[in-house]
Amino acid sequence: MKTYRKELWFETSKRRELINMTGAVASCLVESGIREGLILCNAMHITASVFINDNESGLHSDFELWLEGLAPEKPYSRYQHNGYEDNADAHLKRTIMGREVVVAVTDAKLDLGPWEQIFYGEFDGKRKKRVLVKIIGE
């Protein structure tokens, strides 16, 4: 069995942002030379997420509104965690959206559904953060 590891780095210009990272993950797969196996992609920061969904701008706006409704950024005094950093909402948003995804590799391709894309979700941005891509297989 072969293994491959790479870190993808993201730096957003906004506090909250969704980035389609499907192409970057597909490039990692090509680099790995693995044709059959599994890919793990996980956010290496506790205020960021990796998830799979549709790449549709209306849905992305819906995520923003839904997450803000569940865990609004302000008032900062709403959260016990806030003190040194005012990012408790980002921790909660990450918990809702998840830490990682696993994608099957079949015939050297990402085995995704017809509308599925892999996203990096940033909830406390404007700084450099990373996603681990780990591929195992043959």
Protein backbone atom coordinates (compact mmCIF):
# COMPACT_ATOMS: atom_id res chain seq x y z
CA MET A 1 0.00 0.00 0.00
CA LYS A 2 1.20 3.52 -0.84
CA THR A 3 0.65 6.65 1.22
CA TYR A 4 0.78 10.33 0.35
CA ARG A 5 0.59 13.42 2.56
CA LYS A 6 0.35 17.10 1.68
CA GLU A 7 -0.76 20.26 3.44
CA LEU A 8 -2.87 22.76 1.54
CA TRP A 9 -2.69 26.32 2.87
CA PHE A 10 -5.50 28.88 2.72
CA GLU A 11 -5.62 32.54 3.71
CA THR A 12 -8.95 34.26 3.36
CA SER A 13 -9.60 37.96 2.97
CA LYS A 14 -12.81 37.74 5.01
CA ARG A 15 -13.63 36.32 8.43
CA ARG A 16 -15.95 33.70 6.92
CA GLU A 17 -15.46 32.18 3.51
CA LEU A 18 -16.07 28.96 1.61
CA ILE A 19 -13.38 27.79 -0.83
CA ASN A 20 -13.88 25.01 -3.35
CA MET A 21 -10.80 22.83 -2.93
CA THR A 22 -11.87 19.94 -5.20
CA GLY A 23 -9.31 20.82 -7.87
CA ALA A 24 -6.48 21.03 -5.34
CA VAL A 25 -7.42 17.63 -3.90
CA ALA A 26 -7.62 16.14 -7.41
CA SER A 27 -4.11 17.50 -8.07
CA CYS A 28 -2.87 15.79 -4.91
CA LEU A 29 -4.35 12.54 -6.18
CA VAL A 30 -2.46 12.87 -9.47
CA GLU A 31 0.78 13.63 -7.56
CA SER A 32 0.27 10.57 -5.37
CA GLY A 33 0.02 8.10 -8.24
CA ILE A 34 -2.61 6.18 -6.28
CA ARG A 35 -5.37 4.66 -8.41
CA GLU A 36 -7.56 2.89 -5.82
CA GLY A 37 -7.93 3.90 -2.19
CA LEU A 38 -9.16 6.64 0.10
CA ILE A 39 -8.49 10.33 0.58
CA LEU A 40 -8.84 12.01 3.96
CA CYS A 41 -9.05 15.82 3.99
CA ASN A 42 -9.19 17.49 7.37
CA ALA A 43 -8.94 21.00 8.67
CA MET A 44 -5.96 21.41 10.99
CA HIS A 45 -7.52 24.36 12.82
CA ILE A 46 -10.42 24.35 15.26
CA THR A 47 -12.22 27.27 13.60
CA ALA A 48 -12.20 25.81 10.07
CA SER A 49 -14.03 22.96 8.38
CA VAL A 50 -13.86 20.59 5.43
CA PHE A 51 -17.16 19.36 4.03
CA ILE A 52 -18.80 18.11 0.84
CA ASN A 53 -21.75 19.81 -0.81
CA ASP A 54 -22.99 21.53 -3.97
CA ASN A 55 -21.03 24.43 -5.49
CA GLU A 56 -23.99 26.79 -5.79
CA SER A 57 -23.81 30.42 -4.65
CA GLY A 58 -27.36 30.47 -3.28
CA LEU A 59 -26.58 27.48 -1.09
CA HIS A 60 -23.38 29.16 0.11
CA SER A 61 -25.44 32.21 1.13
CA ASP A 62 -27.89 29.88 2.87
CA PHE A 63 -25.01 28.33 4.85
CA GLU A 64 -23.89 31.80 5.97
CA LEU A 65 -27.40 32.81 7.09
CA TRP A 66 -28.09 29.45 8.75
CA LEU A 67 -24.79 29.35 10.63
CA GLU A 68 -25.14 32.99 11.73
CA GLY A 69 -28.62 32.15 13.03
CA LEU A 70 -27.29 29.22 15.05
CA ALA A 71 -24.10 30.86 16.31
CA PRO A 72 -24.06 34.62 15.63
CA GLU A 73 -20.68 36.32 15.74
CA LYS A 74 -21.99 39.18 17.89
CA PRO A 75 -22.55 40.17 20.59
CA TYR A 76 -19.20 38.80 21.71
CA SER A 77 -20.43 38.87 25.30
CA ARG A 78 -22.87 36.07 24.42
CA TYR A 79 -20.10 33.45 24.73
CA GLN A 80 -18.13 32.26 27.75
CA HIS A 81 -15.15 31.35 25.52
CA ASN A 82 -14.58 34.89 24.27
CA GLY A 83 -11.81 36.70 26.06
CA TYR A 84 -8.43 36.71 24.37
CA GLU A 85 -10.05 36.09 20.98
CA ASP A 86 -13.65 36.80 20.04
CA ASN A 87 -14.13 33.63 18.01
CA ALA A 88 -16.42 31.34 20.00
CA ASP A 89 -18.94 31.44 17.15
CA ALA A 90 -16.27 30.11 14.76
CA HIS A 91 -15.64 27.10 17.02
CA LEU A 92 -19.36 26.33 17.06
CA LYS A 93 -19.71 26.75 13.28
CA ARG A 94 -16.82 24.35 12.72
CA THR A 95 -18.48 21.78 14.98
CA ILE A 96 -21.68 21.99 12.93
CA MET A 97 -19.94 21.81 9.53
CA GLY A 98 -17.48 19.08 10.51
CA ARG A 99 -13.75 18.54 10.61
CA GLU A 100 -13.06 16.23 7.68
CA VAL A 101 -14.23 14.24 4.70
CA VAL A 102 -13.21 10.88 3.30
CA VAL A 103 -13.52 10.35 -0.45
CA ALA A 104 -13.09 7.09 -2.32
CA VAL A 105 -10.53 6.90 -5.11
CA THR A 106 -11.61 4.77 -8.07
CA ASP A 107 -9.57 4.41 -11.25
CA ALA A 108 -7.34 7.35 -10.20
CA LYS A 109 -10.32 9.72 -9.82
CA LEU A 110 -12.23 11.25 -6.92
CA ASP A 111 -15.36 9.10 -6.61
CA LEU A 112 -17.80 11.95 -5.93
CA GLY A 113 -21.49 12.21 -6.74
CA PRO A 114 -22.57 14.36 -9.71
CA TRP A 115 -22.89 17.61 -7.74
CA GLU A 116 -20.47 16.92 -4.90
CA GLN A 117 -17.50 19.22 -4.36
CA ILE A 118 -15.02 19.44 -1.48
CA PHE A 119 -14.98 22.73 0.42
CA TYR A 120 -12.79 24.44 2.97
CA GLY A 121 -14.96 26.45 5.34
CA GLU A 122 -13.25 29.32 7.14
CA PHE A 123 -15.06 30.81 10.12
CA ASP A 124 -12.31 32.93 11.75
CA GLY A 125 -10.18 33.99 8.80
CA LYS A 126 -7.73 36.60 7.65
CA ARG A 127 -4.79 34.38 8.59
CA LYS A 128 -3.02 31.39 7.11
CA LYS A 129 -4.48 27.97 7.91
CA ARG A 130 -3.98 24.46 6.57
CA VAL A 131 -5.82 21.36 5.48
CA LEU A 132 -4.20 17.93 5.59
CA VAL A 133 -4.66 15.69 2.57
CA LYS A 134 -3.75 12.06 3.30
CA ILE A 135 -4.17 9.43 0.57
CA ILE A 136 -3.76 5.69 1.07
CA GLY A 137 -4.14 2.96 -1.50
CA GLU A 138 -2.59 1.19 -4.44
